[in-house]
Amino acid sequence: MTTKKVVLTLGGKGGTGKTLFCRTLFHLLKGEGIYTLGFDGDRENPEFWDYHKNESNPVLRLDFLNIDDARQFISQLEESQPQVALFDMPGASGAATREQFARFNLFHTLKDELDGYEVTVVAVMNDCFNAIGSLKMMMEAFDEQAKYVAVLSDFWAKGKTPFQRWKGCERRKHFLQLGGKEVSMPMLELEVFDTLHGKASPFSRLNGLPLGDRVLLRSYLTRARAEFDLAHDYLGLPPLDGRDTNELVTQGINTISAQQQESAKQPAKAN
């Protein structure tokens, strides 16, 4: 049985691809039937929530850095018992996140009170020092208590030596010593990104896009699923084990669409 995960996604300030990573992983997890709760803690720009607020399994707005919201998050885990809790954290929030973990003794709570959740820290890199700095703070605070994933987005893989700051720094050596895993995130064509962004549309609404956009988005999801498999055990995904990624992505889209349709048939709950 796959260990339950709390996945905290960090990035530097502004445009690293953090929310795109969350949207992608959220979609892939749900497409494989993994019960996943999404949380958006970005107070200034809650795009993860905005893309999924009208779904049958909406992302929740919850600021983990706020004490009352953090209490609610822990209680939500106890009540819902998701296989994966995926958190889009505010940019450059490593220090505040570390303090909140200490305040709630959260590693003990997740392991002993909530039946064995494992924490994964995901850092989405843009080769700037603030993204590396956020990961550094988390590694220093959590050490071997957490798993670590560095996401290297193809959008930032430019020039002759992409991610030179990351690959040449002492923090990466520490990251690898702690068993950290690196994955690439393919580039989603800007035209498709803009189409989805203009409608605040999640990937599960792919079938409503023009054919050209559907083809490009399927291609993106297929490549992302293959890349994320390198850290599947840290991200809550089942291993590919030779499964065809094209078929898997198509099945996932159909699975989520069927879930949405079934949810739409259910009577609305009274407030």
Protein backbone atom coordinates (compact mmCIF):
# COMPACT_ATOMS: atom_id res chain seq x y z
CA MET A 1 0.00 0.00 0.00
CA THR A 2 1.33 3.46 -0.90
CA THR A 3 2.19 5.65 2.08
CA LYS A 4 -0.12 8.62 2.47
CA LYS A 5 1.51 11.91 1.51
CA VAL A 6 1.45 15.56 2.42
CA VAL A 7 3.11 17.30 -0.53
CA LEU A 8 4.22 20.88 0.14
CA THR A 9 5.06 22.75 -3.06
CA LEU A 10 7.40 25.72 -2.75
CA GLY A 11 8.97 28.10 -5.21
CA GLY A 12 10.67 31.45 -5.37
CA LYS A 13 8.76 34.67 -5.75
CA GLY A 14 6.90 35.02 -9.02
CA GLY A 15 6.52 32.71 -11.97
CA THR A 16 8.56 29.61 -11.19
CA GLY A 17 5.82 27.25 -12.41
CA LYS A 18 4.78 26.20 -8.90
CA THR A 19 1.05 26.38 -9.56
CA LEU A 20 1.39 24.68 -12.95
CA PHE A 21 3.17 21.81 -11.21
CA CYS A 22 0.36 21.57 -8.63
CA ARG A 23 -2.31 21.59 -11.31
CA THR A 24 -0.48 18.88 -13.23
CA LEU A 25 0.14 16.58 -10.27
CA PHE A 26 -3.41 17.11 -8.98
CA HIS A 27 -4.81 16.05 -12.35
CA LEU A 28 -2.52 13.02 -12.69
CA LEU A 29 -3.28 11.79 -9.18
CA LYS A 30 -7.04 12.06 -9.66
CA GLY A 31 -6.78 10.42 -13.07
CA GLU A 32 -5.23 7.36 -11.41
CA GLY A 33 -8.00 7.19 -8.84
CA ILE A 34 -5.86 8.54 -5.98
CA TYR A 35 -8.07 10.34 -3.47
CA THR A 36 -6.40 13.75 -3.35
CA LEU A 37 -7.23 16.95 -1.54
CA GLY A 38 -5.78 20.15 -2.95
CA PHE A 39 -5.06 23.23 -0.84
CA ASP A 40 -4.10 26.69 -2.04
CA GLY A 41 -2.18 28.71 0.52
CA ASP A 42 -1.16 31.51 -1.82
CA ARG A 43 -3.06 34.49 -0.42
CA GLU A 44 -1.96 36.97 -3.08
CA ASN A 45 -2.59 34.83 -6.16
CA PRO A 46 -4.75 31.76 -5.44
CA GLU A 47 -4.71 30.36 -8.97
CA PHE A 48 -4.66 26.69 -7.92
CA TRP A 49 -7.97 27.27 -6.16
CA ASP A 50 -9.36 29.38 -9.00
CA TYR A 51 -8.78 26.68 -11.62
CA HIS A 52 -10.59 24.02 -9.57
CA LYS A 53 -13.16 25.91 -7.48
CA ASN A 54 -16.11 24.59 -9.53
CA GLU A 55 -14.97 20.97 -9.67
CA SER A 56 -16.65 18.11 -7.81
CA ASN A 57 -13.41 17.81 -5.82
CA PRO A 58 -12.49 21.50 -5.51
CA VAL A 59 -9.22 22.86 -4.23
CA LEU A 60 -9.65 24.52 -0.84
CA ARG A 61 -8.30 27.95 0.04
CA LEU A 62 -6.41 27.53 3.27
CA ASP A 63 -3.45 29.55 4.52
CA PHE A 64 -1.21 27.09 6.34
CA LEU A 65 0.80 29.99 7.75
CA ASN A 66 -2.30 31.17 9.66
CA ILE A 67 -2.80 29.32 12.95
CA ASP A 68 -6.57 28.85 12.57
CA ASP A 69 -6.19 27.64 8.99
CA ALA A 70 -3.41 25.23 9.99
CA ARG A 71 -5.70 23.80 12.68
CA GLN A 72 -8.39 23.38 10.04
CA PHE A 73 -5.93 21.63 7.71
CA ILE A 74 -4.97 19.07 10.36
CA SER A 75 -8.62 18.45 11.24
CA GLN A 76 -9.46 18.08 7.54
CA LEU A 77 -6.82 15.37 7.19
CA GLU A 78 -8.28 13.49 10.15
CA GLU A 79 -11.82 13.78 8.82
CA SER A 80 -11.19 13.03 5.13
CA GLN A 81 -8.09 10.78 5.24
CA PRO A 82 -6.95 11.58 1.67
CA GLN A 83 -4.20 9.48 0.17
CA VAL A 84 -2.47 12.70 -0.90
CA ALA A 85 -2.82 16.24 0.45
CA LEU A 86 -1.28 18.60 -2.11
CA PHE A 87 -0.46 22.11 -0.91
CA ASP A 88 0.43 25.07 -3.12
CA MET A 89 2.39 27.21 -0.66
CA PRO A 90 3.05 30.95 -0.95
CA GLY A 91 6.23 31.83 -2.80
CA ALA A 92 9.44 31.99 -0.74
CA SER A 93 7.64 30.78 2.42
CA GLY A 94 10.22 28.31 3.70
CA ALA A 95 10.97 30.04 7.02
CA ALA A 96 7.30 30.56 7.97
CA THR A 97 6.41 26.99 6.98
CA ARG A 98 9.22 25.65 9.13
CA GLU A 99 7.98 27.64 12.14
CA GLN A 100 4.43 26.36 11.70
CA PHE A 101 5.60 22.74 11.57
CA ALA A 102 7.43 23.27 14.86
CA ARG A 103 4.43 25.00 16.46
CA PHE A 104 2.12 22.07 15.69
CA ASN A 105 4.78 19.36 16.16
CA LEU A 106 3.50 18.31 12.79
CA PHE A 107 5.79 15.40 11.97
CA HIS A 108 4.67 13.65 15.16
CA THR A 109 1.04 14.56 14.45
CA LEU A 110 1.15 13.25 10.88
CA LYS A 111 2.92 10.04 11.82
CA ASP A 112 1.28 9.07 15.10
CA GLU A 113 -2.03 10.91 15.30
CA LEU A 114 -2.99 10.64 11.62
CA ASP A 115 -1.83 7.10 10.91
CA GLY A 116 1.39 7.63 9.03
CA TYR A 117 1.43 10.57 6.63
CA GLU A 118 4.81 11.18 5.02
CA VAL A 119 5.90 14.72 4.09
CA THR A 120 7.37 15.56 0.70
CA VAL A 121 8.80 19.00 0.03
CA VAL A 122 8.71 19.96 -3.66
CA ALA A 123 10.79 22.92 -4.80
CA VAL A 124 9.99 24.25 -8.27
CA MET A 125 13.19 25.83 -9.54
CA ASN A 126 13.74 28.81 -11.80
CA ASP A 127 17.50 28.95 -11.12
CA CYS A 128 17.15 31.98 -8.86
CA PHE A 129 18.61 32.03 -5.39
CA ASN A 130 15.26 32.56 -3.64
CA ALA A 131 13.92 29.17 -4.79
CA ILE A 132 17.13 27.48 -3.66
CA GLY A 133 16.94 29.41 -0.38
CA SER A 134 13.41 28.17 0.37
CA LEU A 135 14.50 24.57 -0.14
CA LYS A 136 17.62 25.14 1.98
CA MET A 137 15.51 26.30 4.95
CA MET A 138 13.24 23.28 4.69
CA MET A 139 16.13 20.81 4.47
CA GLU A 140 17.84 22.37 7.47
CA ALA A 141 14.63 22.21 9.50
CA PHE A 142 13.26 18.84 8.40
CA ASP A 143 16.45 16.96 7.51
CA GLU A 144 15.67 13.24 7.08
CA GLN A 145 12.11 13.57 8.37
CA ALA A 146 10.91 14.61 4.90
CA LYS A 147 11.42 13.59 1.29
CA TYR A 148 12.57 16.16 -1.27
CA VAL A 149 11.87 16.73 -4.96
CA ALA A 150 13.41 19.44 -7.15
CA VAL A 151 11.35 20.26 -10.24
CA LEU A 152 13.38 21.68 -13.12
CA SER A 153 10.96 23.29 -15.55
CA ASP A 154 11.83 23.18 -19.23
CA PHE A 155 10.50 26.74 -19.42
CA TRP A 156 13.61 27.88 -17.55
CA ALA A 157 16.03 25.46 -19.23
CA LYS A 158 17.56 28.10 -21.46
CA GLY A 159 21.13 28.86 -22.44
CA LYS A 160 24.13 26.59 -22.51
CA THR A 161 24.11 25.84 -18.78
CA PRO A 162 20.51 25.75 -17.51
CA PHE A 163 20.03 25.63 -13.74
CA GLN A 164 23.72 26.33 -13.23
CA ARG A 165 23.15 27.96 -9.84
CA TRP A 166 21.27 24.91 -8.60
CA LYS A 167 23.52 22.24 -10.06
CA GLY A 168 26.68 23.92 -8.83
CA CYS A 169 25.63 24.78 -5.28
CA GLU A 170 26.32 23.08 -1.96
CA ARG A 171 22.59 22.87 -1.28
CA ARG A 172 22.17 20.38 -4.11
CA LYS A 173 24.81 18.14 -2.54
CA HIS A 174 22.87 18.18 0.72
CA PHE A 175 19.66 17.54 -1.24
CA LEU A 176 21.15 14.44 -2.86
CA GLN A 177 22.56 13.22 0.45
CA LEU A 178 19.03 13.34 1.85
CA GLY A 179 17.80 11.17 -1.03
CA GLY A 180 16.33 14.05 -3.00
CA LYS A 181 15.07 13.37 -6.51
CA GLU A 182 15.06 15.66 -9.53
CA VAL A 183 12.35 15.63 -12.17
CA SER A 184 11.81 17.75 -15.25
CA MET A 185 8.53 19.50 -15.98
CA PRO A 186 7.86 19.83 -19.71
CA MET A 187 6.85 23.14 -21.16
CA LEU A 188 3.16 23.73 -21.78
CA GLU A 189 2.84 25.81 -24.93
CA LEU A 190 1.95 29.37 -24.02
CA GLU A 191 -1.03 29.47 -26.38
CA VAL A 192 -2.60 26.49 -24.61
CA PHE A 193 -1.68 27.91 -21.21
CA ASP A 194 -3.37 31.20 -22.13
CA THR A 195 -6.52 29.43 -23.35
CA LEU A 196 -6.84 27.54 -20.07
CA HIS A 197 -5.96 30.59 -18.01
CA GLY A 198 -8.52 32.78 -19.75
CA LYS A 199 -11.28 30.36 -18.78
CA ALA A 200 -9.73 29.34 -15.43
CA SER A 201 -10.18 25.82 -16.79
CA PRO A 202 -8.63 22.73 -15.17
CA PHE A 203 -7.00 20.04 -17.26
CA SER A 204 -10.03 17.82 -16.70
CA ARG A 205 -11.98 20.08 -19.09
CA LEU A 206 -9.60 19.19 -21.91
CA ASN A 207 -12.35 17.74 -24.08
CA GLY A 208 -13.95 21.18 -24.34
CA LEU A 209 -10.89 22.69 -26.03
CA PRO A 210 -10.23 23.00 -29.78
CA LEU A 211 -8.53 19.93 -31.24
CA GLY A 212 -5.13 21.57 -31.62
CA ASP A 213 -5.11 22.58 -27.96
CA ARG A 214 -6.33 19.13 -26.90
CA VAL A 215 -3.47 17.45 -28.75
CA LEU A 216 -0.87 19.75 -27.20
CA LEU A 217 -2.28 19.40 -23.69
CA ARG A 218 -2.42 15.60 -23.94
CA SER A 219 1.18 15.64 -25.12
CA TYR A 220 2.17 17.80 -22.15
CA LEU A 221 0.40 15.54 -19.65
CA THR A 222 1.91 12.42 -21.21
CA ARG A 223 5.43 13.82 -20.96
CA ALA A 224 4.83 15.09 -17.43
CA ARG A 225 3.57 11.68 -16.28
CA ALA A 226 6.72 10.02 -17.61
CA GLU A 227 8.97 12.59 -15.92
CA PHE A 228 7.14 12.51 -12.59
CA ASP A 229 7.53 8.74 -12.48
CA LEU A 230 11.17 9.33 -11.49
CA ALA A 231 9.83 10.49 -8.11
CA HIS A 232 6.50 8.64 -8.08
CA ASP A 233 7.05 7.26 -4.58
CA TYR A 234 7.60 10.77 -3.21
CA LEU A 235 4.64 12.32 -5.05
CA GLY A 236 2.00 9.68 -4.27
CA LEU A 237 1.77 8.33 -7.82
CA PRO A 238 1.79 4.61 -8.56
CA PRO A 239 4.78 3.49 -10.66
CA LEU A 240 4.30 3.28 -14.40
CA ASP A 241 5.78 -0.22 -14.53
CA GLY A 242 5.71 -0.25 -18.32
CA ARG A 243 2.20 1.14 -18.68
CA ASP A 244 1.63 3.24 -21.78
CA THR A 245 1.56 6.91 -20.77
CA ASN A 246 -0.66 7.94 -23.70
CA GLU A 247 -3.31 5.41 -22.74
CA LEU A 248 -2.92 6.27 -19.07
CA VAL A 249 -3.49 9.98 -19.64
CA THR A 250 -6.52 9.33 -21.85
CA GLN A 251 -8.00 6.96 -19.26
CA GLY A 252 -7.36 9.54 -16.56
CA ILE A 253 -9.19 12.25 -18.47
CA ASN A 254 -12.14 9.91 -19.01
CA THR A 255 -12.11 8.88 -15.34
CA ILE A 256 -12.23 12.46 -14.09
CA SER A 257 -14.91 13.42 -16.64
CA ALA A 258 -17.07 10.51 -15.50
CA GLN A 259 -16.62 11.56 -11.87
CA GLN A 260 -17.65 15.12 -12.71
CA GLN A 261 -20.75 13.94 -14.56
CA GLU A 262 -21.74 11.63 -11.71
CA SER A 263 -21.24 14.41 -9.18
CA ALA A 264 -23.42 16.75 -11.25
CA LYS A 265 -26.30 14.26 -10.96
CA GLN A 266 -26.16 14.30 -7.16
CA PRO A 267 -28.60 16.61 -5.35
CA ALA A 268 -27.00 19.71 -3.88
CA LYS A 269 -26.25 19.51 -0.17
CA ALA A 270 -28.17 21.82 2.10
CA ASN A 271 -26.10 24.49 3.83
